[in-house]
Amino acid sequence: MSRADAAAAILWVGATFYALFGGADFGGGFWDLIAGGPQRGERPRALIQRSLTPVWEANHVWLIFILVVLWTAFPPAFSAVMTTLYVPIALAAVGIVLRGCGFAFRKSIEGLRERRAAGATFALSSVLTPFFMGATVGAIASGNVPAAGNGDAFSSWLEPLPLLTGAMFVASGAYLSAVFLVHDTARHPEQSLNQKLKLPRWGLQTAFPTTVRIAAGDNG
């Protein structure tokens, strides 16, 4: 195995861990977003808050790990991606910052309106951030990133496959989060939340085959 192969394997492991743990982390914000009004959504949001608090910040260490490995092991690829897809990458970075602020301050801030604003910021950025990450991955997978870099900043990712990949990232994160949260409800049963967490299966069963067909059509 060459050093490039070893670096690629390490990069793959880091991306897998971030997809699992970071995806579930983002998915918690999706369920927070659709939990309902203040009374109906109080118990689901409390469960999400309790489940994410110990891990939400540490999960992004995997993202830093991925970027560092990509930068040091494959600098031409890193340059090509960053000079072409800087728009969705920047939007995802802003989403991560806003998400962290919303999650950290919504319990400590005073005033009902301010707490709702912080909660809405956390929930919306939890959906938009993985969407832009998925659009970035989809643009790379569809071959829209020139090897020399400096590709088009918008048309490279504003295409069906990158956008559908972004939606798949959101749906996959919601599904992973559902698995973790339903497991957590075994210790703290909440039937209403369990019913809500059955929703992603339909979305994944529909979106995944569609993504595969589009990718096969583009490559064929």
N, C-alpha and C. Protein backbone atom coordinates (compact mmCIF):
# COMPACT_ATOMS: atom_id res chain seq x y z
N MET A 1 0.85 -1.20 0.00
CA MET A 1 0.00 0.00 0.00
C MET A 1 0.88 1.25 0.00
N SER A 2 0.62 2.14 -0.93
CA SER A 2 1.38 3.38 -1.01
C SER A 2 0.94 4.35 0.07
N ARG A 3 1.73 5.40 0.22
CA ARG A 3 1.36 6.42 1.21
C ARG A 3 0.07 7.14 0.82
N ALA A 4 -0.16 7.31 -0.47
CA ALA A 4 -1.41 7.93 -0.91
C ALA A 4 -2.61 7.05 -0.57
N ASP A 5 -2.45 5.74 -0.75
CA ASP A 5 -3.53 4.82 -0.40
C ASP A 5 -3.81 4.85 1.10
N ALA A 6 -2.75 4.90 1.90
CA ALA A 6 -2.91 4.94 3.36
C ALA A 6 -3.61 6.24 3.78
N ALA A 7 -3.21 7.35 3.16
CA ALA A 7 -3.85 8.63 3.48
C ALA A 7 -5.31 8.62 3.06
N ALA A 8 -5.61 8.02 1.90
CA ALA A 8 -6.99 7.93 1.45
C ALA A 8 -7.82 7.07 2.39
N ALA A 9 -7.24 5.99 2.89
CA ALA A 9 -7.95 5.13 3.84
C ALA A 9 -8.25 5.87 5.14
N ILE A 10 -7.26 6.63 5.61
CA ILE A 10 -7.47 7.43 6.83
C ILE A 10 -8.55 8.47 6.59
N LEU A 11 -8.51 9.10 5.42
CA LEU A 11 -9.53 10.10 5.08
C LEU A 11 -10.92 9.47 5.03
N TRP A 12 -11.00 8.26 4.48
CA TRP A 12 -12.28 7.56 4.40
C TRP A 12 -12.82 7.24 5.79
N VAL A 13 -11.94 6.80 6.69
CA VAL A 13 -12.36 6.48 8.06
C VAL A 13 -12.89 7.74 8.74
N GLY A 14 -12.15 8.85 8.60
CA GLY A 14 -12.61 10.09 9.21
C GLY A 14 -13.94 10.55 8.66
N ALA A 15 -14.12 10.44 7.33
CA ALA A 15 -15.39 10.85 6.72
C ALA A 15 -16.53 9.96 7.19
N THR A 16 -16.25 8.67 7.37
CA THR A 16 -17.29 7.75 7.84
C THR A 16 -17.73 8.10 9.25
N PHE A 17 -16.78 8.36 10.13
CA PHE A 17 -17.14 8.71 11.50
C PHE A 17 -17.89 10.04 11.56
N TYR A 18 -17.48 11.00 10.72
CA TYR A 18 -18.20 12.27 10.73
C TYR A 18 -19.60 12.11 10.17
N ALA A 19 -19.74 11.27 9.15
CA ALA A 19 -21.08 11.03 8.60
C ALA A 19 -22.00 10.40 9.63
N LEU A 20 -21.46 9.49 10.44
CA LEU A 20 -22.28 8.81 11.44
C LEU A 20 -22.62 9.73 12.60
N PHE A 21 -21.60 10.27 13.22
CA PHE A 21 -21.82 11.06 14.44
C PHE A 21 -22.25 12.48 14.13
N GLY A 22 -21.59 13.12 13.17
CA GLY A 22 -22.01 14.46 12.79
C GLY A 22 -23.37 14.47 12.12
N GLY A 23 -23.64 13.42 11.30
CA GLY A 23 -24.95 13.33 10.67
C GLY A 23 -26.07 13.19 11.68
N ALA A 24 -25.86 12.34 12.68
CA ALA A 24 -26.86 12.20 13.73
C ALA A 24 -27.02 13.49 14.52
N ASP A 25 -25.92 14.21 14.69
CA ASP A 25 -25.96 15.49 15.39
C ASP A 25 -26.82 16.49 14.62
N PHE A 26 -26.58 16.62 13.33
CA PHE A 26 -27.39 17.53 12.51
C PHE A 26 -28.85 17.07 12.47
N GLY A 27 -29.06 15.77 12.41
CA GLY A 27 -30.43 15.26 12.36
C GLY A 27 -31.25 15.63 13.57
N GLY A 28 -30.59 15.76 14.72
CA GLY A 28 -31.31 16.20 15.91
C GLY A 28 -31.94 17.57 15.71
N GLY A 29 -31.25 18.44 14.98
CA GLY A 29 -31.83 19.75 14.68
C GLY A 29 -33.02 19.66 13.76
N PHE A 30 -32.99 18.67 12.85
CA PHE A 30 -34.15 18.47 11.97
C PHE A 30 -35.39 18.12 12.80
N TRP A 31 -35.25 17.20 13.75
CA TRP A 31 -36.39 16.82 14.59
C TRP A 31 -36.81 17.95 15.51
N ASP A 32 -35.85 18.76 15.93
CA ASP A 32 -36.18 19.94 16.73
C ASP A 32 -37.03 20.90 15.91
N LEU A 33 -36.72 21.01 14.61
CA LEU A 33 -37.44 21.94 13.75
C LEU A 33 -38.90 21.54 13.58
N ILE A 34 -39.18 20.24 13.45
CA ILE A 34 -40.55 19.79 13.18
C ILE A 34 -41.24 19.24 14.43
N ALA A 35 -40.68 19.53 15.61
CA ALA A 35 -41.25 18.97 16.84
C ALA A 35 -42.62 19.55 17.17
N GLY A 36 -42.93 20.73 16.65
CA GLY A 36 -44.23 21.34 16.93
C GLY A 36 -44.10 22.63 17.72
N GLY A 37 -45.24 23.10 18.21
CA GLY A 37 -45.28 24.33 18.97
C GLY A 37 -44.65 24.19 20.34
N PRO A 38 -44.72 25.26 21.14
CA PRO A 38 -44.07 25.24 22.46
C PRO A 38 -44.55 24.11 23.36
N GLN A 39 -45.86 23.83 23.39
CA GLN A 39 -46.36 22.78 24.27
C GLN A 39 -46.12 21.40 23.69
N ARG A 40 -46.49 21.20 22.42
CA ARG A 40 -46.33 19.89 21.80
C ARG A 40 -44.87 19.49 21.66
N GLY A 41 -44.00 20.46 21.38
CA GLY A 41 -42.60 20.14 21.13
C GLY A 41 -41.71 20.22 22.34
N GLU A 42 -42.28 20.52 23.52
CA GLU A 42 -41.43 20.70 24.69
C GLU A 42 -40.68 19.42 25.06
N ARG A 43 -41.40 18.29 25.13
CA ARG A 43 -40.76 17.04 25.54
C ARG A 43 -39.78 16.52 24.49
N PRO A 44 -40.13 16.48 23.19
CA PRO A 44 -39.13 16.07 22.21
C PRO A 44 -37.89 16.94 22.21
N ARG A 45 -38.05 18.25 22.34
CA ARG A 45 -36.89 19.14 22.34
C ARG A 45 -36.04 18.94 23.59
N ALA A 46 -36.67 18.63 24.70
CA ALA A 46 -35.90 18.35 25.91
C ALA A 46 -35.05 17.09 25.73
N LEU A 47 -35.63 16.07 25.08
CA LEU A 47 -34.86 14.85 24.82
C LEU A 47 -33.71 15.14 23.87
N ILE A 48 -33.95 15.90 22.82
CA ILE A 48 -32.89 16.24 21.87
C ILE A 48 -31.79 17.02 22.56
N GLN A 49 -32.17 17.97 23.39
CA GLN A 49 -31.19 18.77 24.12
C GLN A 49 -30.34 17.89 25.02
N ARG A 50 -30.98 16.97 25.74
CA ARG A 50 -30.25 16.10 26.64
C ARG A 50 -29.32 15.15 25.89
N SER A 51 -29.76 14.66 24.73
CA SER A 51 -28.97 13.69 23.98
C SER A 51 -27.78 14.34 23.29
N LEU A 52 -27.94 15.57 22.80
CA LEU A 52 -26.89 16.21 22.02
C LEU A 52 -25.88 16.96 22.87
N THR A 53 -26.26 17.38 24.05
CA THR A 53 -25.39 18.23 24.86
C THR A 53 -24.00 17.64 25.07
N PRO A 54 -23.84 16.33 25.39
CA PRO A 54 -22.48 15.82 25.64
C PRO A 54 -21.61 15.71 24.40
N VAL A 55 -22.20 15.71 23.20
CA VAL A 55 -21.41 15.33 22.02
C VAL A 55 -21.44 16.34 20.88
N TRP A 56 -22.34 17.32 20.91
CA TRP A 56 -22.56 18.14 19.71
C TRP A 56 -21.30 18.89 19.30
N GLU A 57 -20.50 19.35 20.25
CA GLU A 57 -19.31 20.12 19.91
C GLU A 57 -18.17 19.22 19.47
N ALA A 58 -18.02 18.06 20.12
CA ALA A 58 -16.91 17.16 19.80
C ALA A 58 -17.05 16.54 18.42
N ASN A 59 -18.27 16.41 17.92
CA ASN A 59 -18.46 15.76 16.62
C ASN A 59 -17.74 16.48 15.49
N HIS A 60 -17.58 17.79 15.60
CA HIS A 60 -16.95 18.54 14.51
C HIS A 60 -15.43 18.38 14.50
N VAL A 61 -14.89 17.71 15.51
CA VAL A 61 -13.46 17.40 15.46
C VAL A 61 -13.16 16.52 14.25
N TRP A 62 -14.11 15.65 13.89
CA TRP A 62 -13.92 14.79 12.72
C TRP A 62 -13.84 15.63 11.44
N LEU A 63 -14.60 16.70 11.36
CA LEU A 63 -14.56 17.56 10.19
C LEU A 63 -13.19 18.23 10.07
N ILE A 64 -12.68 18.71 11.19
CA ILE A 64 -11.34 19.32 11.19
C ILE A 64 -10.30 18.28 10.77
N PHE A 65 -10.45 17.07 11.28
CA PHE A 65 -9.54 15.98 10.92
C PHE A 65 -9.56 15.73 9.42
N ILE A 66 -10.74 15.68 8.83
CA ILE A 66 -10.87 15.43 7.40
C ILE A 66 -10.19 16.54 6.59
N LEU A 67 -10.43 17.79 6.96
CA LEU A 67 -9.85 18.90 6.21
C LEU A 67 -8.33 18.91 6.32
N VAL A 68 -7.80 18.61 7.52
CA VAL A 68 -6.35 18.59 7.71
C VAL A 68 -5.71 17.47 6.89
N VAL A 69 -6.31 16.28 6.91
CA VAL A 69 -5.75 15.16 6.14
C VAL A 69 -5.82 15.47 4.64
N LEU A 70 -6.94 16.01 4.17
CA LEU A 70 -7.07 16.35 2.75
C LEU A 70 -6.05 17.40 2.34
N TRP A 71 -5.86 18.38 3.19
CA TRP A 71 -4.93 19.47 2.89
C TRP A 71 -3.48 18.99 2.85
N THR A 72 -3.09 18.16 3.81
CA THR A 72 -1.70 17.72 3.90
C THR A 72 -1.37 16.58 2.93
N ALA A 73 -2.33 15.67 2.71
CA ALA A 73 -2.05 14.49 1.88
C ALA A 73 -2.34 14.74 0.41
N PHE A 74 -3.35 15.55 0.12
CA PHE A 74 -3.75 15.79 -1.28
C PHE A 74 -3.96 17.29 -1.52
N PRO A 75 -2.89 18.07 -1.44
CA PRO A 75 -3.05 19.54 -1.59
C PRO A 75 -3.62 19.98 -2.93
N PRO A 76 -3.30 19.34 -4.07
CA PRO A 76 -3.94 19.79 -5.32
C PRO A 76 -5.46 19.58 -5.30
N ALA A 77 -5.91 18.45 -4.74
CA ALA A 77 -7.35 18.21 -4.64
C ALA A 77 -8.00 19.20 -3.70
N PHE A 78 -7.33 19.47 -2.58
CA PHE A 78 -7.85 20.46 -1.62
C PHE A 78 -7.99 21.82 -2.28
N SER A 79 -6.97 22.22 -3.04
CA SER A 79 -7.02 23.52 -3.72
C SER A 79 -8.13 23.56 -4.75
N ALA A 80 -8.29 22.48 -5.52
CA ALA A 80 -9.33 22.46 -6.54
C ALA A 80 -10.72 22.58 -5.93
N VAL A 81 -10.96 21.86 -4.85
CA VAL A 81 -12.27 21.89 -4.20
C VAL A 81 -12.54 23.26 -3.60
N MET A 82 -11.56 23.81 -2.90
CA MET A 82 -11.77 25.08 -2.20
C MET A 82 -11.91 26.26 -3.15
N THR A 83 -11.23 26.23 -4.29
CA THR A 83 -11.32 27.35 -5.22
C THR A 83 -12.53 27.25 -6.14
N THR A 84 -13.20 26.10 -6.14
CA THR A 84 -14.40 25.94 -6.96
C THR A 84 -15.67 25.98 -6.14
N LEU A 85 -15.67 25.28 -5.02
CA LEU A 85 -16.89 25.12 -4.22
C LEU A 85 -16.85 25.95 -2.94
N TYR A 86 -16.23 27.12 -3.01
CA TYR A 86 -16.12 27.93 -1.81
C TYR A 86 -17.46 28.50 -1.35
N VAL A 87 -18.42 28.62 -2.26
CA VAL A 87 -19.72 29.17 -1.85
C VAL A 87 -20.47 28.21 -0.94
N PRO A 88 -20.74 26.95 -1.34
CA PRO A 88 -21.43 26.04 -0.40
C PRO A 88 -20.61 25.72 0.82
N ILE A 89 -19.27 25.68 0.69
CA ILE A 89 -18.42 25.41 1.85
C ILE A 89 -18.52 26.56 2.85
N ALA A 90 -18.50 27.80 2.36
CA ALA A 90 -18.62 28.95 3.25
C ALA A 90 -19.99 28.98 3.92
N LEU A 91 -21.03 28.65 3.16
CA LEU A 91 -22.38 28.64 3.75
C LEU A 91 -22.49 27.55 4.82
N ALA A 92 -21.87 26.40 4.58
CA ALA A 92 -21.87 25.34 5.59
C ALA A 92 -21.11 25.77 6.84
N ALA A 93 -19.99 26.47 6.66
CA ALA A 93 -19.22 26.95 7.81
C ALA A 93 -20.01 27.96 8.63
N VAL A 94 -20.69 28.86 7.94
CA VAL A 94 -21.54 29.83 8.65
C VAL A 94 -22.65 29.10 9.39
N GLY A 95 -23.23 28.07 8.76
CA GLY A 95 -24.27 27.30 9.41
C GLY A 95 -23.78 26.60 10.67
N ILE A 96 -22.56 26.09 10.65
CA ILE A 96 -22.00 25.43 11.83
C ILE A 96 -21.86 26.43 12.98
N VAL A 97 -21.39 27.64 12.66
CA VAL A 97 -21.23 28.67 13.70
C VAL A 97 -22.59 29.07 14.27
N LEU A 98 -23.55 29.36 13.39
CA LEU A 98 -24.88 29.76 13.86
C LEU A 98 -25.55 28.64 14.64
N ARG A 99 -25.37 27.42 14.20
CA ARG A 99 -25.97 26.28 14.90
C ARG A 99 -25.41 26.16 16.31
N GLY A 100 -24.10 26.29 16.44
CA GLY A 100 -23.49 26.21 17.76
C GLY A 100 -23.96 27.32 18.68
N CYS A 101 -24.07 28.53 18.13
CA CYS A 101 -24.55 29.66 18.94
C CYS A 101 -25.99 29.43 19.39
N GLY A 102 -26.83 28.99 18.46
CA GLY A 102 -28.23 28.75 18.82
C GLY A 102 -28.39 27.67 19.86
N PHE A 103 -27.63 26.59 19.73
CA PHE A 103 -27.75 25.48 20.68
C PHE A 103 -27.22 25.88 22.06
N ALA A 104 -26.11 26.63 22.09
CA ALA A 104 -25.49 26.98 23.36
C ALA A 104 -26.28 28.01 24.13
N PHE A 105 -26.92 28.94 23.41
CA PHE A 105 -27.55 30.08 24.09
C PHE A 105 -29.05 29.92 24.31
N ARG A 106 -29.70 28.95 23.68
CA ARG A 106 -31.15 28.91 23.79
C ARG A 106 -31.63 28.51 25.18
N LYS A 107 -30.78 27.89 25.97
CA LYS A 107 -31.17 27.53 27.34
C LYS A 107 -30.73 28.58 28.36
N SER A 108 -29.73 29.34 28.03
CA SER A 108 -29.20 30.31 28.99
C SER A 108 -29.69 31.72 28.75
N ILE A 109 -30.17 32.01 27.53
CA ILE A 109 -30.60 33.36 27.23
C ILE A 109 -31.93 33.66 27.92
N GLU A 110 -32.14 34.92 28.28
CA GLU A 110 -33.37 35.33 28.94
C GLU A 110 -34.35 35.90 27.92
N GLY A 111 -35.62 35.68 28.19
CA GLY A 111 -36.66 36.18 27.30
C GLY A 111 -37.16 35.10 26.36
N LEU A 112 -38.49 34.93 26.32
CA LEU A 112 -39.08 33.88 25.49
C LEU A 112 -38.80 34.11 24.02
N ARG A 113 -38.91 35.33 23.55
CA ARG A 113 -38.68 35.61 22.14
C ARG A 113 -37.24 35.30 21.75
N GLU A 114 -36.30 35.67 22.61
CA GLU A 114 -34.89 35.42 22.31
C GLU A 114 -34.58 33.92 22.31
N ARG A 115 -35.19 33.17 23.24
CA ARG A 115 -34.97 31.73 23.27
C ARG A 115 -35.55 31.06 22.02
N ARG A 116 -36.71 31.52 21.59
CA ARG A 116 -37.28 30.97 20.36
C ARG A 116 -36.41 31.29 19.16
N ALA A 117 -35.86 32.49 19.10
CA ALA A 117 -34.98 32.86 17.99
C ALA A 117 -33.73 31.98 17.98
N ALA A 118 -33.16 31.74 19.18
CA ALA A 118 -31.99 30.89 19.25
C ALA A 118 -32.32 29.46 18.85
N GLY A 119 -33.49 28.96 19.29
CA GLY A 119 -33.90 27.62 18.91
C GLY A 119 -34.14 27.49 17.42
N ALA A 120 -34.76 28.52 16.81
CA ALA A 120 -34.99 28.50 15.37
C ALA A 120 -33.67 28.55 14.60
N THR A 121 -32.73 29.32 15.10
CA THR A 121 -31.41 29.37 14.46
C THR A 121 -30.73 28.01 14.49
N PHE A 122 -30.80 27.35 15.65
CA PHE A 122 -30.22 26.01 15.76
C PHE A 122 -30.88 25.03 14.80
N ALA A 123 -32.21 25.03 14.75
CA ALA A 123 -32.93 24.05 13.94
C ALA A 123 -32.72 24.29 12.45
N LEU A 124 -32.86 25.53 12.01
CA LEU A 124 -32.72 25.82 10.58
C LEU A 124 -31.29 25.58 10.09
N SER A 125 -30.30 25.99 10.87
CA SER A 125 -28.92 25.77 10.45
C SER A 125 -28.56 24.29 10.48
N SER A 126 -29.25 23.50 11.32
CA SER A 126 -29.02 22.06 11.34
C SER A 126 -29.50 21.39 10.06
N VAL A 127 -30.42 22.02 9.36
CA VAL A 127 -30.90 21.49 8.08
C VAL A 127 -30.07 22.04 6.92
N LEU A 128 -29.78 23.34 6.95
CA LEU A 128 -29.08 23.96 5.83
C LEU A 128 -27.61 23.54 5.77
N THR A 129 -26.96 23.35 6.91
CA THR A 129 -25.54 22.99 6.91
C THR A 129 -25.27 21.66 6.23
N PRO A 130 -25.95 20.56 6.63
CA PRO A 130 -25.70 19.31 5.90
C PRO A 130 -26.14 19.37 4.44
N PHE A 131 -27.13 20.21 4.13
CA PHE A 131 -27.53 20.34 2.74
C PHE A 131 -26.39 20.89 1.89
N PHE A 132 -25.73 21.94 2.37
CA PHE A 132 -24.61 22.52 1.61
C PHE A 132 -23.42 21.58 1.59
N MET A 133 -23.21 20.82 2.67
CA MET A 133 -22.15 19.81 2.64
C MET A 133 -22.43 18.75 1.59
N GLY A 134 -23.67 18.30 1.54
CA GLY A 134 -24.04 17.30 0.55
C GLY A 134 -23.93 17.84 -0.86
N ALA A 135 -24.30 19.12 -1.06
CA ALA A 135 -24.17 19.72 -2.38
C ALA A 135 -22.70 19.76 -2.81
N THR A 136 -21.82 20.01 -1.85
CA THR A 136 -20.38 20.00 -2.15
C THR A 136 -19.92 18.62 -2.58
N VAL A 137 -20.31 17.61 -1.82
CA VAL A 137 -19.93 16.23 -2.16
C VAL A 137 -20.53 15.84 -3.51
N GLY A 138 -21.79 16.21 -3.74
CA GLY A 138 -22.43 15.88 -5.01
C GLY A 138 -21.76 16.54 -6.19
N ALA A 139 -21.29 17.77 -6.02
CA ALA A 139 -20.59 18.45 -7.11
C ALA A 139 -19.27 17.76 -7.44
N ILE A 140 -18.58 17.29 -6.39
CA ILE A 140 -17.32 16.55 -6.62
C ILE A 140 -17.62 15.23 -7.32
N ALA A 141 -18.64 14.51 -6.84
CA ALA A 141 -18.98 13.21 -7.42
C ALA A 141 -19.44 13.32 -8.86
N SER A 142 -20.06 14.43 -9.23
CA SER A 142 -20.56 14.59 -10.59
C SER A 142 -19.50 15.10 -11.56
N GLY A 143 -18.28 15.32 -11.05
CA GLY A 143 -17.19 15.74 -11.92
C GLY A 143 -17.21 17.20 -12.28
N ASN A 144 -17.80 18.03 -11.45
CA ASN A 144 -17.90 19.46 -11.76
C ASN A 144 -16.75 20.29 -11.21
N VAL A 145 -15.76 19.62 -10.60
CA VAL A 145 -14.61 20.34 -10.04
C VAL A 145 -13.41 20.10 -10.96
N PRO A 146 -12.93 21.11 -11.66
CA PRO A 146 -11.75 20.93 -12.52
C PRO A 146 -10.52 20.58 -11.69
N ALA A 147 -9.65 19.75 -12.25
CA ALA A 147 -8.43 19.36 -11.54
C ALA A 147 -7.56 20.56 -11.22
N ALA A 148 -7.59 21.57 -12.08
CA ALA A 148 -6.80 22.77 -11.84
C ALA A 148 -7.48 23.76 -10.90
N GLY A 149 -8.73 23.49 -10.54
CA GLY A 149 -9.45 24.38 -9.66
C GLY A 149 -10.05 25.56 -10.39
N ASN A 150 -10.57 26.52 -9.60
CA ASN A 150 -11.16 27.76 -10.13
C ASN A 150 -12.31 27.49 -11.09
N GLY A 151 -13.14 26.48 -10.74
CA GLY A 151 -14.33 26.23 -11.52
C GLY A 151 -15.41 27.25 -11.21
N ASP A 152 -16.53 27.14 -11.90
CA ASP A 152 -17.62 28.10 -11.69
C ASP A 152 -18.15 27.98 -10.26
N ALA A 153 -18.32 29.11 -9.61
CA ALA A 153 -18.67 29.11 -8.19
C ALA A 153 -20.11 28.70 -7.93
N PHE A 154 -20.97 28.75 -8.95
CA PHE A 154 -22.39 28.45 -8.71
C PHE A 154 -22.89 27.28 -9.56
N SER A 155 -22.62 27.29 -10.84
CA SER A 155 -23.14 26.21 -11.68
C SER A 155 -22.52 24.87 -11.35
N SER A 156 -21.38 24.86 -10.65
CA SER A 156 -20.73 23.61 -10.29
C SER A 156 -21.55 22.80 -9.29
N TRP A 157 -22.37 23.47 -8.48
CA TRP A 157 -23.16 22.74 -7.48
C TRP A 157 -24.66 22.99 -7.60
N LEU A 158 -25.07 23.94 -8.42
CA LEU A 158 -26.50 24.18 -8.63
C LEU A 158 -27.01 23.33 -9.78
N GLU A 159 -26.92 22.04 -9.61
CA GLU A 159 -27.38 21.05 -10.57
C GLU A 159 -28.18 19.99 -9.84
N PRO A 160 -28.97 19.17 -10.57
CA PRO A 160 -29.84 18.20 -9.89
C PRO A 160 -29.11 17.24 -8.95
N LEU A 161 -28.00 16.64 -9.41
CA LEU A 161 -27.32 15.66 -8.56
C LEU A 161 -26.75 16.26 -7.29
N PRO A 162 -26.00 17.38 -7.35
CA PRO A 162 -25.53 17.99 -6.10
C PRO A 162 -26.66 18.40 -5.15
N LEU A 163 -27.73 18.97 -5.70
CA LEU A 163 -28.84 19.39 -4.85
C LEU A 163 -29.56 18.19 -4.24
N LEU A 164 -29.72 17.13 -5.02
CA LEU A 164 -30.35 15.93 -4.48
C LEU A 164 -29.45 15.26 -3.44
N THR A 165 -28.15 15.31 -3.66
CA THR A 165 -27.22 14.78 -2.67
C THR A 165 -27.32 15.57 -1.37
N GLY A 166 -27.48 16.88 -1.47
CA GLY A 166 -27.68 17.68 -0.27
C GLY A 166 -28.93 17.28 0.48
N ALA A 167 -30.02 17.04 -0.26
CA ALA A 167 -31.25 16.58 0.38
C ALA A 167 -31.05 15.21 1.02
N MET A 168 -30.27 14.36 0.37
CA MET A 168 -29.97 13.05 0.93
C MET A 168 -29.17 13.16 2.22
N PHE A 169 -28.27 14.11 2.29
CA PHE A 169 -27.51 14.33 3.53
C PHE A 169 -28.45 14.70 4.67
N VAL A 170 -29.42 15.57 4.38
CA VAL A 170 -30.38 15.97 5.41
C VAL A 170 -31.22 14.77 5.86
N ALA A 171 -31.72 13.99 4.89
CA ALA A 171 -32.55 12.84 5.22
C ALA A 171 -31.77 11.77 5.96
N SER A 172 -30.53 11.53 5.54
CA SER A 172 -29.71 10.52 6.21
C SER A 172 -29.39 10.93 7.64
N GLY A 173 -29.09 12.21 7.82
CA GLY A 173 -28.84 12.69 9.18
C GLY A 173 -30.06 12.55 10.07
N ALA A 174 -31.24 12.84 9.51
CA ALA A 174 -32.47 12.68 10.28
C ALA A 174 -32.69 11.22 10.65
N TYR A 175 -32.38 10.32 9.73
CA TYR A 175 -32.56 8.90 10.00
C TYR A 175 -31.60 8.42 11.08
N LEU A 176 -30.32 8.81 10.98
CA LEU A 176 -29.34 8.42 11.99
C LEU A 176 -29.71 8.98 13.37
N SER A 177 -30.13 10.24 13.37
CA SER A 177 -30.55 10.83 14.63
C SER A 177 -31.75 10.10 15.21
N ALA A 178 -32.66 9.66 14.34
CA ALA A 178 -33.83 8.92 14.82
C ALA A 178 -33.40 7.64 15.52
N VAL A 179 -32.39 6.97 14.97
CA VAL A 179 -31.91 5.73 15.59
C VAL A 179 -31.39 6.00 16.99
N PHE A 180 -30.54 7.03 17.12
CA PHE A 180 -29.97 7.34 18.43
C PHE A 180 -31.03 7.82 19.42
N LEU A 181 -31.95 8.66 18.94
CA LEU A 181 -32.95 9.21 19.85
C LEU A 181 -33.97 8.16 20.29
N VAL A 182 -34.35 7.27 19.37
CA VAL A 182 -35.28 6.21 19.76
C VAL A 182 -34.63 5.29 20.78
N HIS A 183 -33.33 5.03 20.62
CA HIS A 183 -32.62 4.23 21.61
C HIS A 183 -32.62 4.93 22.96
N ASP A 184 -32.47 6.25 22.92
CA ASP A 184 -32.47 7.01 24.18
C ASP A 184 -33.84 6.98 24.84
N THR A 185 -34.92 6.90 24.04
CA THR A 185 -36.25 6.87 24.62
C THR A 185 -36.55 5.54 25.30
N ALA A 186 -35.72 4.52 25.07
CA ALA A 186 -35.90 3.26 25.78
C ALA A 186 -35.71 3.46 27.28
N ARG A 187 -34.86 4.43 27.61
CA ARG A 187 -34.67 4.76 29.03
C ARG A 187 -35.65 5.82 29.50
N HIS A 188 -36.10 6.65 28.55
CA HIS A 188 -37.03 7.73 28.89
C HIS A 188 -38.15 7.70 27.85
N PRO A 189 -39.12 6.80 27.98
CA PRO A 189 -40.13 6.59 26.93
C PRO A 189 -40.94 7.86 26.66
N GLU A 190 -41.08 8.14 25.34
CA GLU A 190 -41.94 9.24 24.91
C GLU A 190 -42.59 8.79 23.61
N GLN A 191 -43.83 8.32 23.71
CA GLN A 191 -44.48 7.74 22.55
C GLN A 191 -44.64 8.72 21.41
N SER A 192 -44.92 9.98 21.74
CA SER A 192 -45.12 10.94 20.67
C SER A 192 -43.85 11.12 19.85
N LEU A 193 -42.69 11.12 20.50
CA LEU A 193 -41.44 11.25 19.77
C LEU A 193 -41.18 10.01 18.93
N ASN A 194 -41.45 8.84 19.48
CA ASN A 194 -41.24 7.61 18.72
C ASN A 194 -42.06 7.62 17.43
N GLN A 195 -43.27 8.14 17.49
CA GLN A 195 -44.09 8.21 16.28
C GLN A 195 -43.47 9.18 15.27
N LYS A 196 -42.93 10.29 15.74
CA LYS A 196 -42.34 11.26 14.84
C LYS A 196 -41.12 10.68 14.14
N LEU A 197 -40.34 9.88 14.86
CA LEU A 197 -39.08 9.41 14.33
C LEU A 197 -39.25 8.29 13.33
N LYS A 198 -40.47 7.90 12.99
CA LYS A 198 -40.69 6.92 11.95
C LYS A 198 -40.76 7.56 10.56
N LEU A 199 -40.72 8.88 10.50
CA LEU A 199 -40.91 9.57 9.23
C LEU A 199 -39.78 9.39 8.22
N PRO A 200 -38.49 9.35 8.61
CA PRO A 200 -37.45 9.39 7.60
C PRO A 200 -37.42 8.17 6.70
N ARG A 201 -37.94 7.01 7.16
CA ARG A 201 -37.82 5.79 6.36
C ARG A 201 -38.42 5.99 4.97
N TRP A 202 -39.58 6.63 4.89
CA TRP A 202 -40.20 6.86 3.58
C TRP A 202 -39.31 7.73 2.72
N GLY A 203 -38.77 8.79 3.32
CA GLY A 203 -37.93 9.71 2.55
C GLY A 203 -36.68 9.02 2.02
N LEU A 204 -36.04 8.20 2.84
CA LEU A 204 -34.83 7.52 2.40
C LEU A 204 -35.14 6.48 1.33
N GLN A 205 -36.24 5.75 1.50
CA GLN A 205 -36.58 4.73 0.52
C GLN A 205 -36.89 5.34 -0.84
N THR A 206 -37.37 6.58 -0.85
CA THR A 206 -37.67 7.26 -2.10
C THR A 206 -36.45 7.94 -2.70
N ALA A 207 -35.70 8.63 -1.84
CA ALA A 207 -34.60 9.46 -2.35
C ALA A 207 -33.39 8.64 -2.76
N PHE A 208 -33.06 7.57 -2.02
CA PHE A 208 -31.84 6.83 -2.32
C PHE A 208 -31.87 6.20 -3.72
N PRO A 209 -32.93 5.47 -4.10
CA PRO A 209 -32.93 4.92 -5.46
C PRO A 209 -32.90 6.00 -6.53
N THR A 210 -33.55 7.14 -6.26
CA THR A 210 -33.55 8.23 -7.23
C THR A 210 -32.15 8.76 -7.44
N THR A 211 -31.39 8.94 -6.33
CA THR A 211 -30.02 9.41 -6.43
C THR A 211 -29.16 8.45 -7.23
N VAL A 212 -29.33 7.16 -6.97
CA VAL A 212 -28.55 6.15 -7.69
C VAL A 212 -28.86 6.19 -9.18
N ARG A 213 -30.15 6.36 -9.53
CA ARG A 213 -30.51 6.39 -10.95
C ARG A 213 -29.90 7.61 -11.65
N ILE A 214 -29.96 8.77 -10.97
CA ILE A 214 -29.41 9.98 -11.57
C ILE A 214 -27.90 9.84 -11.75
N ALA A 215 -27.21 9.31 -10.72
CA ALA A 215 -25.77 9.13 -10.83
C ALA A 215 -25.43 8.16 -11.95
N ALA A 216 -26.19 7.07 -12.07
CA ALA A 216 -25.93 6.11 -13.14
C ALA A 216 -26.18 6.73 -14.50
N GLY A 217 -27.21 7.58 -14.58
CA GLY A 217 -27.49 8.24 -15.86
C GLY A 217 -26.41 9.23 -16.24
N ASP A 218 -25.87 9.95 -15.24
CA ASP A 218 -24.82 10.92 -15.53
C ASP A 218 -23.53 10.24 -15.97
N ASN A 219 -23.24 9.07 -15.32
CA ASN A 219 -22.00 8.38 -15.64
C ASN A 219 -22.12 7.51 -16.87
N GLY A 220 -23.39 7.20 -17.27
CA GLY A 220 -23.58 6.35 -18.43
C GLY A 220 -23.67 7.16 -19.68
